[in-house]
Amino acid sequence: MPAKSKAQQKAAGAALAAKHGDIKKSELKGASKSMEKSMSEKELHDMASTKRKGKPQHAASQ
């Protein structure tokens, strides 16, 4: 599942870093905190590795 925006990709990267133990889970905020709890490591990796080129800064809400 690729990220739809740069912000989503960045949040997934932070959540993945917490899963790996590179940063403390208590340092996570907002979307990255809920992503870390609800998504698997593979899902986070897939989202975090999405190319940023051509992505909007924030996804349009619908």
Protein backbone atom coordinates (compact mmCIF):
# COMPACT_ATOMS: atom_id res chain seq x y z
CA MET A 1 0.00 0.00 0.00
CA PRO A 2 1.89 3.10 -1.18
CA ALA A 3 1.69 6.41 0.66
CA LYS A 4 -0.66 8.99 -0.83
CA SER A 5 1.30 12.02 0.44
CA LYS A 6 4.71 13.08 1.70
CA ALA A 7 3.32 13.50 5.22
CA GLN A 8 1.93 9.96 5.24
CA GLN A 9 5.24 8.56 3.99
CA LYS A 10 7.14 10.46 6.68
CA ALA A 11 4.79 9.24 9.44
CA ALA A 12 5.18 5.65 8.27
CA GLY A 13 8.97 6.02 8.41
CA ALA A 14 8.80 7.28 12.00
CA ALA A 15 6.50 4.42 13.01
CA LEU A 16 8.82 1.90 11.35
CA ALA A 17 11.81 3.36 13.20
CA ALA A 18 9.94 2.90 16.49
CA LYS A 19 9.10 -0.73 15.60
CA HIS A 20 12.80 -1.35 14.95
CA GLY A 21 13.74 0.29 18.25
CA ASP A 22 15.67 3.15 16.62
CA ILE A 23 13.49 5.71 18.42
CA LYS A 24 11.31 5.43 21.52
CA LYS A 25 7.62 4.70 20.99
CA SER A 26 6.86 7.49 23.47
CA GLU A 27 8.39 10.00 21.03
CA LEU A 28 5.75 9.27 18.37
CA LYS A 29 2.87 11.71 17.87
CA GLY A 30 -0.34 11.75 15.87
CA ALA A 31 -0.56 9.53 12.80
CA SER A 32 2.78 7.80 13.35
CA LYS A 33 1.66 6.70 16.82
CA SER A 34 -1.51 5.05 15.54
CA MET A 35 0.31 3.58 12.52
CA GLU A 36 2.87 1.93 14.80
CA LYS A 37 0.10 0.25 16.79
CA SER A 38 -2.16 -0.81 13.94
CA MET A 39 0.15 -1.72 11.02
CA SER A 40 2.59 -4.57 10.52
CA GLU A 41 6.27 -3.97 9.90
CA LYS A 42 5.87 -4.99 6.25
CA GLU A 43 2.97 -2.57 5.71
CA LEU A 44 4.97 0.26 7.28
CA HIS A 45 8.01 -0.60 5.16
CA ASP A 46 5.93 -0.58 1.98
CA MET A 47 4.43 2.80 2.84
CA ALA A 48 7.68 4.36 4.04
CA SER A 49 9.58 3.26 0.92
CA THR A 50 7.14 5.02 -1.43
CA LYS A 51 8.83 7.50 -3.76
CA ARG A 52 8.10 11.11 -2.76
CA LYS A 53 8.43 12.66 -6.19
CA GLY A 54 5.09 13.90 -7.48
CA LYS A 55 3.29 13.37 -4.15
CA PRO A 56 1.37 16.24 -2.54
CA GLN A 57 2.56 17.45 0.88
CA HIS A 58 -0.77 16.39 2.41
CA ALA A 59 -3.46 14.13 0.98
CA ALA A 60 -6.73 15.81 0.08
CA SER A 61 -9.48 14.83 2.51
CA GLN A 62 -12.60 13.35 1.00
